[in-house]
C-alpha atoms as a PDB file:
ATOM      1  CA  UNK A   1       0.000   0.000   0.000  1.00  0.00           C
ATOM      2  CA  UNK A   2       1.406   3.368  -0.949  1.00  0.00           C
ATOM      3  CA  UNK A   3       2.428   6.139   1.395  1.00  0.00           C
ATOM      4  CA  UNK A   4       2.505   9.894   0.935  1.00  0.00           C
ATOM      5  CA  UNK A   5       4.019  12.560   3.160  1.00  0.00           C
ATOM      6  CA  UNK A   6       3.333  16.254   3.458  1.00  0.00           C
ATOM      7  CA  UNK A   7       5.685  18.628   5.164  1.00  0.00           C
ATOM      8  CA  UNK A   8       5.414  22.163   6.434  1.00  0.00           C
ATOM      9  CA  UNK A   9       7.405  24.465   8.633  1.00  0.00           C
ATOM     10  CA  UNK A  10       6.281  25.842  11.962  1.00  0.00           C
ATOM     11  CA  UNK A  11       7.765  28.270  14.431  1.00  0.00           C
ATOM     12  CA  UNK A  12      10.291  26.419  16.620  1.00  0.00           C
ATOM     13  CA  UNK A  13       9.514  25.892  20.287  1.00  0.00           C
ATOM     14  CA  UNK A  14       5.863  24.935  19.807  1.00  0.00           C
ATOM     15  CA  UNK A  15       6.210  21.159  19.579  1.00  0.00           C
ATOM     16  CA  UNK A  16       3.968  20.489  22.590  1.00  0.00           C
ATOM     17  CA  UNK A  17       1.213  22.790  21.288  1.00  0.00           C
ATOM     18  CA  UNK A  18       1.348  21.115  17.884  1.00  0.00           C
ATOM     19  CA  UNK A  19       1.267  17.671  19.500  1.00  0.00           C
ATOM     20  CA  UNK A  20      -1.834  18.676  21.445  1.00  0.00           C
ATOM     21  CA  UNK A  21      -3.593  19.878  18.293  1.00  0.00           C
ATOM     22  CA  UNK A  22      -3.045  16.533  16.606  1.00  0.00           C
ATOM     23  CA  UNK A  23      -3.784  14.491  19.745  1.00  0.00           C
ATOM     24  CA  UNK A  24      -7.256  16.088  19.738  1.00  0.00           C
ATOM     25  CA  UNK A  25      -7.724  15.857  15.960  1.00  0.00           C
ATOM     26  CA  UNK A  26     -11.268  15.024  14.830  1.00  0.00           C
ATOM     27  CA  UNK A  27     -10.998  12.110  12.427  1.00  0.00           C
ATOM     28  CA  UNK A  28     -12.506  12.172   8.949  1.00  0.00           C
ATOM     29  CA  UNK A  29     -16.182  11.321   8.564  1.00  0.00           C
ATOM     30  CA  UNK A  30     -15.250   8.409   6.291  1.00  0.00           C
ATOM     31  CA  UNK A  31     -11.935   6.935   5.191  1.00  0.00           C
ATOM     32  CA  UNK A  32     -13.323   6.488   1.658  1.00  0.00           C
ATOM     33  CA  UNK A  33     -12.753   9.333  -0.778  1.00  0.00           C
ATOM     34  CA  UNK A  34     -13.996  10.264  -4.222  1.00  0.00           C
ATOM     35  CA  UNK A  35     -12.314  11.716  -7.270  1.00  0.00           C
ATOM     36  CA  UNK A  36     -13.247  14.927  -9.070  1.00  0.00           C
ATOM     37  CA  UNK A  37     -15.931  12.992 -10.940  1.00  0.00           C
ATOM     38  CA  UNK A  38     -17.596  11.914  -7.675  1.00  0.00           C
ATOM     39  CA  UNK A  39     -16.697   8.259  -8.194  1.00  0.00           C
ATOM     40  CA  UNK A  40     -14.836   6.194  -5.588  1.00  0.00           C
ATOM     41  CA  UNK A  41     -11.124   7.031  -5.825  1.00  0.00           C
ATOM     42  CA  UNK A  42      -9.598   5.363  -2.786  1.00  0.00           C
ATOM     43  CA  UNK A  43      -9.358   4.928   0.936  1.00  0.00           C
ATOM     44  CA  UNK A  44      -7.268   6.368   3.761  1.00  0.00           C
ATOM     45  CA  UNK A  45      -5.699   3.504   5.697  1.00  0.00           C
ATOM     46  CA  UNK A  46      -3.778   5.453   8.317  1.00  0.00           C
ATOM     47  CA  UNK A  47      -1.902   8.623   9.148  1.00  0.00           C
ATOM     48  CA  UNK A  48       0.873   9.628  11.498  1.00  0.00           C
ATOM     49  CA  UNK A  49       2.137  13.107  12.364  1.00  0.00           C
ATOM     50  CA  UNK A  50       5.693  13.887  13.453  1.00  0.00           C
ATOM     51  CA  UNK A  51       7.117  17.179  14.687  1.00  0.00           C
ATOM     52  CA  UNK A  52      10.695  18.217  15.427  1.00  0.00           C
ATOM     53  CA  UNK A  53      11.848  21.774  15.935  1.00  0.00           C
ATOM     54  CA  UNK A  54      10.405  23.701  12.983  1.00  0.00           C
ATOM     55  CA  UNK A  55       9.220  20.786  10.814  1.00  0.00           C
ATOM     56  CA  UNK A  56       5.923  18.864  10.804  1.00  0.00           C
ATOM     57  CA  UNK A  57       5.570  15.797   8.589  1.00  0.00           C
ATOM     58  CA  UNK A  58       2.316  13.921   8.115  1.00  0.00           C
ATOM     59  CA  UNK A  59       2.545  10.410   6.680  1.00  0.00           C
ATOM     60  CA  UNK A  60      -0.505   8.995   4.952  1.00  0.00           C
ATOM     61  CA  UNK A  61      -1.080   5.360   4.015  1.00  0.00           C
ATOM     62  CA  UNK A  62      -3.745   5.003   1.373  1.00  0.00           C
ATOM     63  CA  UNK A  63      -5.211   3.019  -1.493  1.00  0.00           C
ATOM     64  CA  UNK A  64      -6.174   4.685  -4.754  1.00  0.00           C
ATOM     65  CA  UNK A  65      -5.594   8.137  -6.192  1.00  0.00           C
ATOM     66  CA  UNK A  66      -3.361  10.313  -4.002  1.00  0.00           C
ATOM     67  CA  UNK A  67      -4.487  13.475  -5.816  1.00  0.00           C
ATOM     68  CA  UNK A  68      -8.012  13.022  -4.454  1.00  0.00           C
ATOM     69  CA  UNK A  69      -6.899  12.955  -0.800  1.00  0.00           C
ATOM     70  CA  UNK A  70      -6.396  16.722  -0.519  1.00  0.00           C
ATOM     71  CA  UNK A  71      -9.906  17.440  -1.758  1.00  0.00           C
ATOM     72  CA  UNK A  72     -11.356  14.887   0.687  1.00  0.00           C
ATOM     73  CA  UNK A  73      -9.376  16.237   3.644  1.00  0.00           C
ATOM     74  CA  UNK A  74     -10.245  19.824   2.738  1.00  0.00           C
ATOM     75  CA  UNK A  75     -13.931  19.018   3.182  1.00  0.00           C
ATOM     76  CA  UNK A  76     -13.470  17.686   6.734  1.00  0.00           C
ATOM     77  CA  UNK A  77     -14.496  19.764   9.779  1.00  0.00           C
ATOM     78  CA  UNK A  78     -11.625  18.361  11.857  1.00  0.00           C
ATOM     79  CA  UNK A  79      -9.091  19.541   9.304  1.00  0.00           C
ATOM     80  CA  UNK A  80     -10.430  23.097   9.382  1.00  0.00           C
ATOM     81  CA  UNK A  81     -10.438  23.092  13.190  1.00  0.00           C
ATOM     82  CA  UNK A  82      -6.808  21.916  13.312  1.00  0.00           C
ATOM     83  CA  UNK A  83      -5.792  24.388  10.598  1.00  0.00           C
ATOM     84  CA  UNK A  84      -7.321  27.282  12.566  1.00  0.00           C
ATOM     85  CA  UNK A  85      -5.335  26.261  15.642  1.00  0.00           C
ATOM     86  CA  UNK A  86      -2.124  25.910  13.612  1.00  0.00           C
ATOM     87  CA  UNK A  87      -2.289  29.397  12.039  1.00  0.00           C
ATOM     88  CA  UNK A  88      -0.348  31.238  14.796  1.00  0.00           C
ATOM     89  CA  UNK A  89       2.276  28.463  14.857  1.00  0.00           C
ATOM     90  CA  UNK A  90       3.028  28.358  11.127  1.00  0.00           C
ATOM     91  CA  UNK A  91       6.308  29.732   9.822  1.00  0.00           C
ATOM     92  CA  UNK A  92       4.578  30.730   6.567  1.00  0.00           C
ATOM     93  CA  UNK A  93       0.930  31.652   6.086  1.00  0.00           C
ATOM     94  CA  UNK A  94      -1.149  29.406   3.853  1.00  0.00           C
ATOM     95  CA  UNK A  95      -4.721  29.407   2.610  1.00  0.00           C
ATOM     96  CA  UNK A  96      -6.608  26.264   3.578  1.00  0.00           C
ATOM     97  CA  UNK A  97      -9.970  27.958   4.142  1.00  0.00           C
ATOM     98  CA  UNK A  98     -11.873  26.083   1.433  1.00  0.00           C
ATOM     99  CA  UNK A  99     -11.721  22.498   0.167  1.00  0.00           C
ATOM    100  CA  UNK A 100     -10.128  23.797  -3.058  1.00  0.00           C
ATOM    101  CA  UNK A 101      -7.514  25.846  -1.201  1.00  0.00           C
ATOM    102  CA  UNK A 102      -6.700  22.933   1.111  1.00  0.00           C
ATOM    103  CA  UNK A 103      -6.373  20.608  -1.900  1.00  0.00           C
ATOM    104  CA  UNK A 104      -3.935  23.074  -3.503  1.00  0.00           C
ATOM    105  CA  UNK A 105      -1.912  23.274  -0.276  1.00  0.00           C
ATOM    106  CA  UNK A 106      -1.862  19.473  -0.073  1.00  0.00           C
ATOM    107  CA  UNK A 107      -0.712  19.169  -3.696  1.00  0.00           C
ATOM    108  CA  UNK A 108       2.076  21.686  -3.128  1.00  0.00           C
ATOM    109  CA  UNK A 109       3.203  20.113   0.162  1.00  0.00           C
ATOM    110  CA  UNK A 110       3.445  16.464  -0.891  1.00  0.00           C
ATOM    111  CA  UNK A 111       7.033  15.359  -0.570  1.00  0.00           C
ATOM    112  CA  UNK A 112       8.818  13.477  -3.338  1.00  0.00           C
ATOM    113  CA  UNK A 113       8.837   9.760  -2.585  1.00  0.00           C
ATOM    114  CA  UNK A 114      12.280   8.286  -3.175  1.00  0.00           C
ATOM    115  CA  UNK A 115      11.749   4.828  -1.697  1.00  0.00           C
ATOM    116  CA  UNK A 116       8.951   2.630  -0.434  1.00  0.00           C
ATOM    117  CA  UNK A 117       9.879  -0.728   1.028  1.00  0.00           C
ATOM    118  CA  UNK A 118       7.691  -3.334   2.692  1.00  0.00           C
ATOM    119  CA  UNK A 119       7.806  -6.947   3.731  1.00  0.00           C
ATOM    120  CA  UNK A 120       5.905  -7.737   0.511  1.00  0.00           C
ATOM    121  CA  UNK A 121       8.802  -6.447  -1.582  1.00  0.00           C
ATOM    122  CA  UNK A 122      11.597  -7.928   0.543  1.00  0.00           C
ATOM    123  CA  UNK A 123      13.735 -10.467  -1.380  1.00  0.00           C
ATOM    124  CA  UNK A 124      13.639 -12.911   1.545  1.00  0.00           C
ATOM    125  CA  UNK A 125       9.842 -12.780   1.508  1.00  0.00           C
ATOM    126  CA  UNK A 126       9.744 -13.995  -2.088  1.00  0.00           C
ATOM    127  CA  UNK A 127      11.545 -17.250  -1.207  1.00  0.00           C
ATOM    128  CA  UNK A 128       9.941 -17.933   2.175  1.00  0.00           C
ATOM    129  CA  UNK A 129       7.250 -20.603   2.324  1.00  0.00           C
END
């Protein structure tokens, strides 16, 4: 299953505040998401958020079309609540006020994947019985 990661910078010294925001994060109404055409496009399988100094990275495990995730997340009340709390902690302002704006932010923040390894792709797994 593929992974994606988004990264953004925050003001250093606010790691505990950021942790609290994500500890109280309201989960999405459904893990299933649709594409621009309204048809099923995939499913969120899990997320994890990491913070160190001035960097936040959110890892997302998903099935389907990664480009549809930003639109789905941008329509979630919990995302907008967390974004509002993050505003004073961000190193750079960003517009995530609408589903379209959040989707654009997501698209621009996705990190380049350089490797994705799993037990399914491990050479020893191919020969094990």
